[in-house]
Amino acid sequence: MSQIETRQNEVSLPAPVANYVRAVNTGATEEFPASFAADAVVVDVNRELRGIEAIAEWAGTDIFAADVRFDILEVIERQGRTILTLEIDGTFDRTGLPDPLVMKQEFTVADGKISELRIGF
């Protein structure tokens, strides 16, 4: 079992968030959209994506094509949101990015699906 899987198993994440992290870390492009509600919103730094099709397209280019992997550093539950602090690795262009790349991903879950994901520093 990898360090990422071990850490993920040590924390209790809402099922759709755990499925999202697992899909990213295993490159499961076909499983990825199942974590999101049909009308979900992703705000990736300053870019907003609405709907499952736009989110799947974004994931295909920005996550899966770049072989992104997450290492969970911290999990916080606050005001109905799950906030992950992640170290992010992959084959993406690192120009101007901190090393290591650590970002926050803030999830809102409703009816067993991710309804909102906000990504930032």
PDB file of N, CA and C in Angstrom:
ATOM      1  N   MET A   1       0.854  -1.185   0.000  1.00  0.00           N
ATOM      2  CA  MET A   1       0.000   0.000   0.000  1.00  0.00           C
ATOM      3  C   MET A   1       0.894   1.242   0.000  1.00  0.00           C
ATOM      4  N   SER A   2       0.585   2.216  -0.863  1.00  0.00           N
ATOM      5  CA  SER A   2       1.404   3.418  -0.962  1.00  0.00           C
ATOM      6  C   SER A   2       1.170   4.329   0.242  1.00  0.00           C
ATOM      7  N   GLN A   3       2.099   5.265   0.403  1.00  0.00           N
ATOM      8  CA  GLN A   3       1.975   6.227   1.499  1.00  0.00           C
ATOM      9  C   GLN A   3       0.680   7.030   1.355  1.00  0.00           C
ATOM     10  N   ILE A   4       0.320   7.366   0.126  1.00  0.00           N
ATOM     11  CA  ILE A   4      -0.905   8.134  -0.103  1.00  0.00           C
ATOM     12  C   ILE A   4      -2.110   7.327   0.351  1.00  0.00           C
ATOM     13  N   GLU A   5      -2.179   6.061  -0.044  1.00  0.00           N
ATOM     14  CA  GLU A   5      -3.304   5.230   0.359  1.00  0.00           C
ATOM     15  C   GLU A   5      -3.331   5.043   1.869  1.00  0.00           C
ATOM     16  N   THR A   6      -2.164   4.875   2.476  1.00  0.00           N
ATOM     17  CA  THR A   6      -2.099   4.695   3.923  1.00  0.00           C
ATOM     18  C   THR A   6      -2.634   5.922   4.633  1.00  0.00           C
ATOM     19  N   ARG A   7      -2.175   7.089   4.247  1.00  0.00           N
ATOM     20  CA  ARG A   7      -2.666   8.309   4.892  1.00  0.00           C
ATOM     21  C   ARG A   7      -4.157   8.480   4.673  1.00  0.00           C
ATOM     22  N   GLN A   8      -4.623   8.192   3.459  1.00  0.00           N
ATOM     23  CA  GLN A   8      -6.046   8.352   3.172  1.00  0.00           C
ATOM     24  C   GLN A   8      -6.860   7.414   4.054  1.00  0.00           C
ATOM     25  N   ASN A   9      -6.388   6.208   4.262  1.00  0.00           N
ATOM     26  CA  ASN A   9      -7.116   5.255   5.090  1.00  0.00           C
ATOM     27  C   ASN A   9      -7.108   5.659   6.554  1.00  0.00           C
ATOM     28  N   GLU A  10      -6.145   6.456   6.971  1.00  0.00           N
ATOM     29  CA  GLU A  10      -6.053   6.874   8.361  1.00  0.00           C
ATOM     30  C   GLU A  10      -7.012   8.004   8.686  1.00  0.00           C
ATOM     31  N   VAL A  11      -7.518   8.699   7.695  1.00  0.00           N
ATOM     32  CA  VAL A  11      -8.439   9.802   7.932  1.00  0.00           C
ATOM     33  C   VAL A  11      -9.818   9.398   7.446  1.00  0.00           C
ATOM     34  N   SER A  12     -10.814   9.981   8.052  1.00  0.00           N
ATOM     35  CA  SER A  12     -12.185   9.691   7.676  1.00  0.00           C
ATOM     36  C   SER A  12     -12.682  10.791   6.751  1.00  0.00           C
ATOM     37  N   LEU A  13     -12.839  10.458   5.489  1.00  0.00           N
ATOM     38  CA  LEU A  13     -13.327  11.414   4.500  1.00  0.00           C
ATOM     39  C   LEU A  13     -14.734  11.035   4.088  1.00  0.00           C
ATOM     40  N   PRO A  14     -15.564  12.026   3.765  1.00  0.00           N
ATOM     41  CA  PRO A  14     -16.860  11.694   3.174  1.00  0.00           C
ATOM     42  C   PRO A  14     -16.622  10.842   1.921  1.00  0.00           C
ATOM     43  N   ALA A  15     -17.473   9.871   1.674  1.00  0.00           N
ATOM     44  CA  ALA A  15     -17.268   8.920   0.580  1.00  0.00           C
ATOM     45  C   ALA A  15     -16.979   9.575  -0.769  1.00  0.00           C
ATOM     46  N   PRO A  16     -17.721  10.609  -1.207  1.00  0.00           N
ATOM     47  CA  PRO A  16     -17.406  11.169  -2.521  1.00  0.00           C
ATOM     48  C   PRO A  16     -16.039  11.850  -2.573  1.00  0.00           C
ATOM     49  N   VAL A  17     -15.590  12.405  -1.454  1.00  0.00           N
ATOM     50  CA  VAL A  17     -14.264  13.026  -1.401  1.00  0.00           C
ATOM     51  C   VAL A  17     -13.190  11.939  -1.460  1.00  0.00           C
ATOM     52  N   ALA A  18     -13.381  10.868  -0.702  1.00  0.00           N
ATOM     53  CA  ALA A  18     -12.442   9.744  -0.738  1.00  0.00           C
ATOM     54  C   ALA A  18     -12.381   9.153  -2.151  1.00  0.00           C
ATOM     55  N   ASN A  19     -13.538   9.026  -2.799  1.00  0.00           N
ATOM     56  CA  ASN A  19     -13.574   8.493  -4.166  1.00  0.00           C
ATOM     57  C   ASN A  19     -12.867   9.417  -5.146  1.00  0.00           C
ATOM     58  N   TYR A  20     -13.028  10.719  -4.981  1.00  0.00           N
ATOM     59  CA  TYR A  20     -12.342  11.720  -5.817  1.00  0.00           C
ATOM     60  C   TYR A  20     -10.828  11.559  -5.691  1.00  0.00           C
ATOM     61  N   VAL A  21     -10.325  11.518  -4.451  1.00  0.00           N
ATOM     62  CA  VAL A  21      -8.883  11.388  -4.218  1.00  0.00           C
ATOM     63  C   VAL A  21      -8.381  10.070  -4.803  1.00  0.00           C
ATOM     64  N   ARG A  22      -9.103   9.004  -4.563  1.00  0.00           N
ATOM     65  CA  ARG A  22      -8.702   7.687  -5.076  1.00  0.00           C
ATOM     66  C   ARG A  22      -8.679   7.690  -6.607  1.00  0.00           C
ATOM     67  N   ALA A  23      -9.690   8.274  -7.242  1.00  0.00           N
ATOM     68  CA  ALA A  23      -9.731   8.329  -8.707  1.00  0.00           C
ATOM     69  C   ALA A  23      -8.544   9.095  -9.265  1.00  0.00           C
ATOM     70  N   VAL A  24      -8.210  10.225  -8.641  1.00  0.00           N
ATOM     71  CA  VAL A  24      -7.048  10.992  -9.091  1.00  0.00           C
ATOM     72  C   VAL A  24      -5.775  10.175  -8.917  1.00  0.00           C
ATOM     73  N   ASN A  25      -5.582   9.624  -7.736  1.00  0.00           N
ATOM     74  CA  ASN A  25      -4.329   8.924  -7.430  1.00  0.00           C
ATOM     75  C   ASN A  25      -4.137   7.634  -8.207  1.00  0.00           C
ATOM     76  N   THR A  26      -5.212   7.054  -8.699  1.00  0.00           N
ATOM     77  CA  THR A  26      -5.095   5.812  -9.465  1.00  0.00           C
ATOM     78  C   THR A  26      -5.292   6.030 -10.962  1.00  0.00           C
ATOM     79  N   GLY A  27      -5.536   7.276 -11.366  1.00  0.00           N
ATOM     80  CA  GLY A  27      -5.742   7.573 -12.777  1.00  0.00           C
ATOM     81  C   GLY A  27      -7.049   7.023 -13.326  1.00  0.00           C
ATOM     82  N   ALA A  28      -8.047   6.892 -12.469  1.00  0.00           N
ATOM     83  CA  ALA A  28      -9.339   6.303 -12.847  1.00  0.00           C
ATOM     84  C   ALA A  28     -10.240   7.354 -13.490  1.00  0.00           C
ATOM     85  N   THR A  29      -9.951   7.689 -14.731  1.00  0.00           N
ATOM     86  CA  THR A  29     -10.689   8.743 -15.423  1.00  0.00           C
ATOM     87  C   THR A  29     -12.176   8.434 -15.548  1.00  0.00           C
ATOM     88  N   GLU A  30     -12.517   7.165 -15.720  1.00  0.00           N
ATOM     89  CA  GLU A  30     -13.925   6.808 -15.897  1.00  0.00           C
ATOM     90  C   GLU A  30     -14.703   6.874 -14.586  1.00  0.00           C
ATOM     91  N   GLU A  31     -14.033   6.670 -13.457  1.00  0.00           N
ATOM     92  CA  GLU A  31     -14.691   6.725 -12.152  1.00  0.00           C
ATOM     93  C   GLU A  31     -14.801   8.148 -11.612  1.00  0.00           C
ATOM     94  N   PHE A  32     -13.921   9.031 -12.054  1.00  0.00           N
ATOM     95  CA  PHE A  32     -13.815  10.387 -11.522  1.00  0.00           C
ATOM     96  C   PHE A  32     -15.145  11.145 -11.494  1.00  0.00           C
ATOM     97  N   PRO A  33     -15.892  11.224 -12.601  1.00  0.00           N
ATOM     98  CA  PRO A  33     -17.117  12.043 -12.591  1.00  0.00           C
ATOM     99  C   PRO A  33     -18.180  11.570 -11.608  1.00  0.00           C
ATOM    100  N   ALA A  34     -18.161  10.310 -11.221  1.00  0.00           N
ATOM    101  CA  ALA A  34     -19.195   9.770 -10.325  1.00  0.00           C
ATOM    102  C   ALA A  34     -19.177  10.423  -8.949  1.00  0.00           C
ATOM    103  N   SER A  35     -18.094  11.088  -8.587  1.00  0.00           N
ATOM    104  CA  SER A  35     -18.007  11.763  -7.291  1.00  0.00           C
ATOM    105  C   SER A  35     -18.787  13.074  -7.262  1.00  0.00           C
ATOM    106  N   PHE A  36     -19.119  13.609  -8.445  1.00  0.00           N
ATOM    107  CA  PHE A  36     -19.708  14.946  -8.546  1.00  0.00           C
ATOM    108  C   PHE A  36     -21.195  14.901  -8.883  1.00  0.00           C
ATOM    109  N   ALA A  37     -21.930  15.869  -8.338  1.00  0.00           N
ATOM    110  CA  ALA A  37     -23.325  16.075  -8.713  1.00  0.00           C
ATOM    111  C   ALA A  37     -23.370  16.602 -10.144  1.00  0.00           C
ATOM    112  N   ALA A  38     -24.473  16.365 -10.824  1.00  0.00           N
ATOM    113  CA  ALA A  38     -24.611  16.784 -12.227  1.00  0.00           C
ATOM    114  C   ALA A  38     -24.427  18.293 -12.397  1.00  0.00           C
ATOM    115  N   ASP A  39     -24.833  19.068 -11.391  1.00  0.00           N
ATOM    116  CA  ASP A  39     -24.735  20.531 -11.472  1.00  0.00           C
ATOM    117  C   ASP A  39     -23.614  21.086 -10.583  1.00  0.00           C
ATOM    118  N   ALA A  40     -22.613  20.271 -10.295  1.00  0.00           N
ATOM    119  CA  ALA A  40     -21.513  20.682  -9.416  1.00  0.00           C
ATOM    120  C   ALA A  40     -20.732  21.851 -10.006  1.00  0.00           C
ATOM    121  N   VAL A  41     -20.040  22.551  -9.103  1.00  0.00           N
ATOM    122  CA  VAL A  41     -19.190  23.681  -9.473  1.00  0.00           C
ATOM    123  C   VAL A  41     -17.779  23.408  -8.947  1.00  0.00           C
ATOM    124  N   VAL A  42     -16.784  23.627  -9.814  1.00  0.00           N
ATOM    125  CA  VAL A  42     -15.384  23.578  -9.403  1.00  0.00           C
ATOM    126  C   VAL A  42     -14.797  24.952  -9.667  1.00  0.00           C
ATOM    127  N   VAL A  43     -14.156  25.525  -8.644  1.00  0.00           N
ATOM    128  CA  VAL A  43     -13.423  26.772  -8.805  1.00  0.00           C
ATOM    129  C   VAL A  43     -11.957  26.426  -8.583  1.00  0.00           C
ATOM    130  N   ASP A  44     -11.208  26.358  -9.685  1.00  0.00           N
ATOM    131  CA  ASP A  44      -9.790  26.007  -9.667  1.00  0.00           C
ATOM    132  C   ASP A  44      -8.998  27.303  -9.727  1.00  0.00           C
ATOM    133  N   VAL A  45      -8.560  27.761  -8.570  1.00  0.00           N
ATOM    134  CA  VAL A  45      -7.925  29.060  -8.360  1.00  0.00           C
ATOM    135  C   VAL A  45      -8.901  30.130  -8.830  1.00  0.00           C
ATOM    136  N   ASN A  46      -8.786  30.661 -10.050  1.00  0.00           N
ATOM    137  CA  ASN A  46      -9.709  31.706 -10.508  1.00  0.00           C
ATOM    138  C   ASN A  46     -10.583  31.271 -11.674  1.00  0.00           C
ATOM    139  N   ARG A  47     -10.556  29.985 -12.007  1.00  0.00           N
ATOM    140  CA  ARG A  47     -11.342  29.472 -13.139  1.00  0.00           C
ATOM    141  C   ARG A  47     -12.530  28.682 -12.599  1.00  0.00           C
ATOM    142  N   GLU A  48     -13.725  29.005 -13.095  1.00  0.00           N
ATOM    143  CA  GLU A  48     -14.939  28.326 -12.623  1.00  0.00           C
ATOM    144  C   GLU A  48     -15.477  27.399 -13.702  1.00  0.00           C
ATOM    145  N   LEU A  49     -15.781  26.169 -13.273  1.00  0.00           N
ATOM    146  CA  LEU A  49     -16.338  25.158 -14.167  1.00  0.00           C
ATOM    147  C   LEU A  49     -17.676  24.727 -13.601  1.00  0.00           C
ATOM    148  N   ARG A  50     -18.684  24.633 -14.451  1.00  0.00           N
ATOM    149  CA  ARG A  50     -20.028  24.257 -14.004  1.00  0.00           C
ATOM    150  C   ARG A  50     -20.517  23.043 -14.784  1.00  0.00           C
ATOM    151  N   GLY A  51     -21.008  22.067 -14.028  1.00  0.00           N
ATOM    152  CA  GLY A  51     -21.584  20.886 -14.647  1.00  0.00           C
ATOM    153  C   GLY A  51     -20.576  19.772 -14.822  1.00  0.00           C
ATOM    154  N   ILE A  52     -21.087  18.571 -14.826  1.00  0.00           N
ATOM    155  CA  ILE A  52     -20.243  17.378 -14.845  1.00  0.00           C
ATOM    156  C   ILE A  52     -19.407  17.279 -16.117  1.00  0.00           C
ATOM    157  N   GLU A  53     -19.938  17.690 -17.263  1.00  0.00           N
ATOM    158  CA  GLU A  53     -19.168  17.611 -18.511  1.00  0.00           C
ATOM    159  C   GLU A  53     -17.954  18.535 -18.466  1.00  0.00           C
ATOM    160  N   ALA A  54     -18.143  19.770 -18.023  1.00  0.00           N
ATOM    161  CA  ALA A  54     -17.033  20.717 -17.931  1.00  0.00           C
ATOM    162  C   ALA A  54     -15.997  20.248 -16.907  1.00  0.00           C
ATOM    163  N   ILE A  55     -16.470  19.679 -15.808  1.00  0.00           N
ATOM    164  CA  ILE A  55     -15.565  19.193 -14.759  1.00  0.00           C
ATOM    165  C   ILE A  55     -14.764  17.998 -15.273  1.00  0.00           C
ATOM    166  N   ALA A  56     -15.398  17.076 -15.981  1.00  0.00           N
ATOM    167  CA  ALA A  56     -14.697  15.915 -16.529  1.00  0.00           C
ATOM    168  C   ALA A  56     -13.663  16.347 -17.568  1.00  0.00           C
ATOM    169  N   GLU A  57     -13.999  17.332 -18.384  1.00  0.00           N
ATOM    170  CA  GLU A  57     -13.047  17.842 -19.387  1.00  0.00           C
ATOM    171  C   GLU A  57     -11.848  18.485 -18.700  1.00  0.00           C
ATOM    172  N   TRP A  58     -12.095  19.306 -17.685  1.00  0.00           N
ATOM    173  CA  TRP A  58     -11.026  19.928 -16.898  1.00  0.00           C
ATOM    174  C   TRP A  58     -10.122  18.863 -16.280  1.00  0.00           C
ATOM    175  N   ALA A  59     -10.721  17.845 -15.677  1.00  0.00           N
ATOM    176  CA  ALA A  59      -9.945  16.779 -15.046  1.00  0.00           C
ATOM    177  C   ALA A  59      -9.099  16.047 -16.081  1.00  0.00           C
ATOM    178  N   GLY A  60      -9.645  15.823 -17.260  1.00  0.00           N
ATOM    179  CA  GLY A  60      -8.900  15.130 -18.307  1.00  0.00           C
ATOM    180  C   GLY A  60      -7.634  15.851 -18.700  1.00  0.00           C
ATOM    181  N   THR A  61      -7.718  17.177 -18.819  1.00  0.00           N
ATOM    182  CA  THR A  61      -6.544  17.947 -19.241  1.00  0.00           C
ATOM    183  C   THR A  61      -5.649  18.364 -18.084  1.00  0.00           C
ATOM    184  N   ASP A  62      -6.239  18.798 -16.978  1.00  0.00           N
ATOM    185  CA  ASP A  62      -5.445  19.368 -15.889  1.00  0.00           C
ATOM    186  C   ASP A  62      -5.009  18.350 -14.835  1.00  0.00           C
ATOM    187  N   ILE A  63      -5.683  17.233 -14.741  1.00  0.00           N
ATOM    188  CA  ILE A  63      -5.350  16.235 -13.720  1.00  0.00           C
ATOM    189  C   ILE A  63      -4.777  14.976 -14.361  1.00  0.00           C
ATOM    190  N   PHE A  64      -5.574  14.313 -15.191  1.00  0.00           N
ATOM    191  CA  PHE A  64      -5.161  13.005 -15.703  1.00  0.00           C
ATOM    192  C   PHE A  64      -4.066  13.093 -16.759  1.00  0.00           C
ATOM    193  N   ALA A  65      -4.117  14.075 -17.648  1.00  0.00           N
ATOM    194  CA  ALA A  65      -3.057  14.216 -18.656  1.00  0.00           C
ATOM    195  C   ALA A  65      -1.725  14.573 -18.007  1.00  0.00           C
ATOM    196  N   ALA A  66      -1.780  15.213 -16.834  1.00  0.00           N
ATOM    197  CA  ALA A  66      -0.564  15.614 -16.112  1.00  0.00           C
ATOM    198  C   ALA A  66      -0.172  14.613 -15.038  1.00  0.00           C
ATOM    199  N   ASP A  67      -0.836  13.461 -15.019  1.00  0.00           N
ATOM    200  CA  ASP A  67      -0.506  12.397 -14.057  1.00  0.00           C
ATOM    201  C   ASP A  67      -0.420  12.933 -12.622  1.00  0.00           C
ATOM    202  N   VAL A  68      -1.402  13.748 -12.227  1.00  0.00           N
ATOM    203  CA  VAL A  68      -1.426  14.365 -10.899  1.00  0.00           C
ATOM    204  C   VAL A  68      -1.654  13.301  -9.828  1.00  0.00           C
ATOM    205  N   ARG A  69      -0.975  13.496  -8.707  1.00  0.00           N
ATOM    206  CA  ARG A  69      -1.138  12.632  -7.532  1.00  0.00           C
ATOM    207  C   ARG A  69      -1.220  13.526  -6.297  1.00  0.00           C
ATOM    208  N   PHE A  70      -2.067  13.124  -5.348  1.00  0.00           N
ATOM    209  CA  PHE A  70      -2.257  13.869  -4.105  1.00  0.00           C
ATOM    210  C   PHE A  70      -1.666  13.101  -2.935  1.00  0.00           C
ATOM    211  N   ASP A  71      -1.040  13.833  -2.037  1.00  0.00           N
ATOM    212  CA  ASP A  71      -0.634  13.292  -0.744  1.00  0.00           C
ATOM    213  C   ASP A  71      -1.355  14.158   0.295  1.00  0.00           C
ATOM    214  N   ILE A  72      -2.273  13.565   1.029  1.00  0.00           N
ATOM    215  CA  ILE A  72      -3.068  14.313   2.004  1.00  0.00           C
ATOM    216  C   ILE A  72      -2.196  14.657   3.210  1.00  0.00           C
ATOM    217  N   LEU A  73      -2.076  15.947   3.489  1.00  0.00           N
ATOM    218  CA  LEU A  73      -1.297  16.419   4.628  1.00  0.00           C
ATOM    219  C   LEU A  73      -2.179  16.719   5.834  1.00  0.00           C
ATOM    220  N   GLU A  74      -3.424  17.190   5.563  1.00  0.00           N
ATOM    221  CA  GLU A  74      -4.318  17.578   6.657  1.00  0.00           C
ATOM    222  C   GLU A  74      -5.762  17.519   6.178  1.00  0.00           C
ATOM    223  N   VAL A  75      -6.641  17.161   7.082  1.00  0.00           N
ATOM    224  CA  VAL A  75      -8.079  17.163   6.821  1.00  0.00           C
ATOM    225  C   VAL A  75      -8.754  17.956   7.928  1.00  0.00           C
ATOM    226  N   ILE A  76      -9.583  18.918   7.538  1.00  0.00           N
ATOM    227  CA  ILE A  76     -10.334  19.720   8.499  1.00  0.00           C
ATOM    228  C   ILE A  76     -11.802  19.692   8.095  1.00  0.00           C
ATOM    229  N   GLU A  77     -12.668  19.485   9.050  1.00  0.00           N
ATOM    230  CA  GLU A  77     -14.110  19.602   8.836  1.00  0.00           C
ATOM    231  C   GLU A  77     -14.542  20.917   9.478  1.00  0.00           C
ATOM    232  N   ARG A  78     -15.137  21.818   8.681  1.00  0.00           N
ATOM    233  CA  ARG A  78     -15.545  23.114   9.228  1.00  0.00           C
ATOM    234  C   ARG A  78     -16.794  23.603   8.506  1.00  0.00           C
ATOM    235  N   GLN A  79     -17.814  23.883   9.282  1.00  0.00           N
ATOM    236  CA  GLN A  79     -19.059  24.462   8.779  1.00  0.00           C
ATOM    237  C   GLN A  79     -19.619  23.683   7.590  1.00  0.00           C
ATOM    238  N   GLY A  80     -19.634  22.361   7.715  1.00  0.00           N
ATOM    239  CA  GLY A  80     -20.203  21.521   6.678  1.00  0.00           C
ATOM    240  C   GLY A  80     -19.325  21.313   5.461  1.00  0.00           C
ATOM    241  N   ARG A  81     -18.078  21.700   5.570  1.00  0.00           N
ATOM    242  CA  ARG A  81     -17.145  21.543   4.453  1.00  0.00           C
ATOM    243  C   ARG A  81     -15.973  20.668   4.890  1.00  0.00           C
ATOM    244  N   THR A  82     -15.433  19.934   3.941  1.00  0.00           N
ATOM    245  CA  THR A  82     -14.226  19.143   4.171  1.00  0.00           C
ATOM    246  C   THR A  82     -13.091  19.853   3.448  1.00  0.00           C
ATOM    247  N   ILE A  83     -12.049  20.209   4.200  1.00  0.00           N
ATOM    248  CA  ILE A  83     -10.925  20.944   3.622  1.00  0.00           C
ATOM    249  C   ILE A  83      -9.690  20.065   3.699  1.00  0.00           C
ATOM    250  N   LEU A  84      -9.134  19.754   2.529  1.00  0.00           N
ATOM    251  CA  LEU A  84      -7.915  18.964   2.456  1.00  0.00           C
ATOM    252  C   LEU A  84      -6.745  19.872   2.121  1.00  0.00           C
ATOM    253  N   THR A  85      -5.652  19.699   2.840  1.00  0.00           N
ATOM    254  CA  THR A  85      -4.384  20.304   2.460  1.00  0.00           C
ATOM    255  C   THR A  85      -3.608  19.187   1.785  1.00  0.00           C
ATOM    256  N   LEU A  86      -3.217  19.411   0.531  1.00  0.00           N
ATOM    257  CA  LEU A  86      -2.609  18.380  -0.287  1.00  0.00           C
ATOM    258  C   LEU A  86      -1.255  18.811  -0.816  1.00  0.00           C
ATOM    259  N   GLU A  87      -0.313  17.891  -0.816  1.00  0.00           N
ATOM    260  CA  GLU A  87       0.904  18.085  -1.590  1.00  0.00           C
ATOM    261  C   GLU A  87       0.606  17.459  -2.944  1.00  0.00           C
ATOM    262  N   ILE A  88       0.836  18.223  -4.004  1.00  0.00           N
ATOM    263  CA  ILE A  88       0.451  17.801  -5.349  1.00  0.00           C
ATOM    264  C   ILE A  88       1.698  17.566  -6.188  1.00  0.00           C
ATOM    265  N   ASP A  89       1.723  16.412  -6.842  1.00  0.00           N
ATOM    266  CA  ASP A  89       2.834  16.065  -7.719  1.00  0.00           C
ATOM    267  C   ASP A  89       2.261  15.654  -9.067  1.00  0.00           C
ATOM    268  N   GLY A  90       3.089  15.686 -10.101  1.00  0.00           N
ATOM    269  CA  GLY A  90       2.654  15.300 -11.432  1.00  0.00           C
ATOM    270  C   GLY A  90       3.634  15.796 -12.469  1.00  0.00           C
ATOM    271  N   THR A  91       3.246  15.688 -13.730  1.00  0.00           N
ATOM    272  CA  THR A  91       4.126  16.070 -14.835  1.00  0.00           C
ATOM    273  C   THR A  91       3.753  17.429 -15.431  1.00  0.00           C
ATOM    274  N   PHE A  92       3.059  18.265 -14.672  1.00  0.00           N
ATOM    275  CA  PHE A  92       2.623  19.582 -15.138  1.00  0.00           C
ATOM    276  C   PHE A  92       3.773  20.589 -15.087  1.00  0.00           C
ATOM    277  N   ASP A  93       3.594  21.716 -15.774  1.00  0.00           N
ATOM    278  CA  ASP A  93       4.587  22.794 -15.788  1.00  0.00           C
ATOM    279  C   ASP A  93       4.640  23.438 -14.407  1.00  0.00           C
ATOM    280  N   ARG A  94       5.799  23.433 -13.793  1.00  0.00           N
ATOM    281  CA  ARG A  94       5.964  23.956 -12.434  1.00  0.00           C
ATOM    282  C   ARG A  94       6.496  25.391 -12.398  1.00  0.00           C
ATOM    283  N   THR A  95       6.601  26.012 -13.561  1.00  0.00           N
ATOM    284  CA  THR A  95       7.119  27.377 -13.633  1.00  0.00           C
ATOM    285  C   THR A  95       6.309  28.301 -12.729  1.00  0.00           C
ATOM    286  N   GLY A  96       6.987  28.957 -11.810  1.00  0.00           N
ATOM    287  CA  GLY A  96       6.344  29.916 -10.913  1.00  0.00           C
ATOM    288  C   GLY A  96       5.595  29.300  -9.753  1.00  0.00           C
ATOM    289  N   LEU A  97       5.610  27.980  -9.642  1.00  0.00           N
ATOM    290  CA  LEU A  97       4.898  27.311  -8.549  1.00  0.00           C
ATOM    291  C   LEU A  97       5.859  27.000  -7.408  1.00  0.00           C
ATOM    292  N   PRO A  98       5.362  27.007  -6.171  1.00  0.00           N
ATOM    293  CA  PRO A  98       6.216  26.647  -5.040  1.00  0.00           C
ATOM    294  C   PRO A  98       6.602  25.167  -5.101  1.00  0.00           C
ATOM    295  N   ASP A  99       7.727  24.844  -4.469  1.00  0.00           N
ATOM    296  CA  ASP A  99       8.172  23.450  -4.399  1.00  0.00           C
ATOM    297  C   ASP A  99       8.487  23.121  -2.957  1.00  0.00           C
ATOM    298  N   PRO A 100       7.726  22.256  -2.330  1.00  0.00           N
ATOM    299  CA  PRO A 100       6.657  21.442  -2.908  1.00  0.00           C
ATOM    300  C   PRO A 100       5.403  22.266  -3.144  1.00  0.00           C
ATOM    301  N   LEU A 101       4.553  21.766  -4.029  1.00  0.00           N
ATOM    302  CA  LEU A 101       3.281  22.415  -4.323  1.00  0.00           C
ATOM    303  C   LEU A 101       2.245  21.916  -3.324  1.00  0.00           C
ATOM    304  N   VAL A 102       1.826  22.820  -2.432  1.00  0.00           N
ATOM    305  CA  VAL A 102       0.820  22.497  -1.414  1.00  0.00           C
ATOM    306  C   VAL A 102      -0.380  23.407  -1.651  1.00  0.00           C
ATOM    307  N   MET A 103      -1.548  22.784  -1.777  1.00  0.00           N
ATOM    308  CA  MET A 103      -2.771  23.543  -2.028  1.00  0.00           C
ATOM    309  C   MET A 103      -3.890  23.034  -1.139  1.00  0.00           C
ATOM    310  N   LYS A 104      -4.919  23.856  -1.009  1.00  0.00           N
ATOM    311  CA  LYS A 104      -6.128  23.481  -0.271  1.00  0.00           C
ATOM    312  C   LYS A 104      -7.216  23.151  -1.279  1.00  0.00           C
ATOM    313  N   GLN A 105      -7.974  22.110  -0.963  1.00  0.00           N
ATOM    314  CA  GLN A 105      -9.163  21.783  -1.734  1.00  0.00           C
ATOM    315  C   GLN A 105     -10.313  21.692  -0.740  1.00  0.00           C
ATOM    316  N   GLU A 106     -11.319  22.513  -0.967  1.00  0.00           N
ATOM    317  CA  GLU A 106     -12.450  22.631  -0.045  1.00  0.00           C
ATOM    318  C   GLU A 106     -13.701  22.081  -0.720  1.00  0.00           C
ATOM    319  N   PHE A 107     -14.287  21.061  -0.114  1.00  0.00           N
ATOM    320  CA  PHE A 107     -15.406  20.329  -0.685  1.00  0.00           C
ATOM    321  C   PHE A 107     -16.701  20.604   0.079  1.00  0.00           C
ATOM    322  N   THR A 108     -17.781  20.764  -0.669  1.00  0.00           N
ATOM    323  CA  THR A 108     -19.131  20.732  -0.111  1.00  0.00           C
ATOM    324  C   THR A 108     -19.797  19.501  -0.711  1.00  0.00           C
ATOM    325  N   VAL A 109     -20.357  18.676   0.167  1.00  0.00           N
ATOM    326  CA  VAL A 109     -21.018  17.451  -0.260  1.00  0.00           C
ATOM    327  C   VAL A 109     -22.504  17.561   0.055  1.00  0.00           C
ATOM    328  N   ALA A 110     -23.344  17.193  -0.909  1.00  0.00           N
ATOM    329  CA  ALA A 110     -24.790  17.176  -0.715  1.00  0.00           C
ATOM    330  C   ALA A 110     -25.356  15.952  -1.430  1.00  0.00           C
ATOM    331  N   ASP A 111     -26.246  15.260  -0.767  1.00  0.00           N
ATOM    332  CA  ASP A 111     -26.900  14.085  -1.348  1.00  0.00           C
ATOM    333  C   ASP A 111     -25.893  13.058  -1.876  1.00  0.00           C
ATOM    334  N   GLY A 112     -24.781  12.889  -1.150  1.00  0.00           N
ATOM    335  CA  GLY A 112     -23.808  11.860  -1.495  1.00  0.00           C
ATOM    336  C   GLY A 112     -22.908  12.180  -2.668  1.00  0.00           C
ATOM    337  N   LYS A 113     -22.871  13.440  -3.095  1.00  0.00           N
ATOM    338  CA  LYS A 113     -22.034  13.860  -4.229  1.00  0.00           C
ATOM    339  C   LYS A 113     -21.338  15.173  -3.888  1.00  0.00           C
ATOM    340  N   ILE A 114     -20.215  15.440  -4.537  1.00  0.00           N
ATOM    341  CA  ILE A 114     -19.546  16.737  -4.387  1.00  0.00           C
ATOM    342  C   ILE A 114     -20.366  17.752  -5.167  1.00  0.00           C
ATOM    343  N   SER A 115     -20.846  18.771  -4.459  1.00  0.00           N
ATOM    344  CA  SER A 115     -21.622  19.821  -5.123  1.00  0.00           C
ATOM    345  C   SER A 115     -20.749  21.037  -5.432  1.00  0.00           C
ATOM    346  N   GLU A 116     -19.665  21.189  -4.664  1.00  0.00           N
ATOM    347  CA  GLU A 116     -18.750  22.298  -4.899  1.00  0.00           C
ATOM    348  C   GLU A 116     -17.354  21.901  -4.463  1.00  0.00           C
ATOM    349  N   LEU A 117     -16.371  22.279  -5.272  1.00  0.00           N
ATOM    350  CA  LEU A 117     -14.952  22.093  -4.967  1.00  0.00           C
ATOM    351  C   LEU A 117     -14.251  23.398  -5.257  1.00  0.00           C
ATOM    352  N   ARG A 118     -13.580  23.932  -4.234  1.00  0.00           N
ATOM    353  CA  ARG A 118     -12.796  25.160  -4.393  1.00  0.00           C
ATOM    354  C   ARG A 118     -11.332  24.825  -4.142  1.00  0.00           C
ATOM    355  N   ILE A 119     -10.490  25.175  -5.119  1.00  0.00           N
ATOM    356  CA  ILE A 119      -9.064  24.860  -5.066  1.00  0.00           C
ATOM    357  C   ILE A 119      -8.279  26.160  -5.006  1.00  0.00           C
ATOM    358  N   GLY A 120      -7.341  26.241  -4.070  1.00  0.00           N
ATOM    359  CA  GLY A 120      -6.521  27.442  -3.960  1.00  0.00           C
ATOM    360  C   GLY A 120      -5.309  27.219  -3.091  1.00  0.00           C
ATOM    361  N   PHE A 121      -4.524  28.268  -2.970  1.00  0.00           N
ATOM    362  CA  PHE A 121      -3.304  28.202  -2.159  1.00  0.00           C
ATOM    363  C   PHE A 121      -3.587  28.587  -0.731  1.00  0.00           C
TER     364      PHE A 121
END
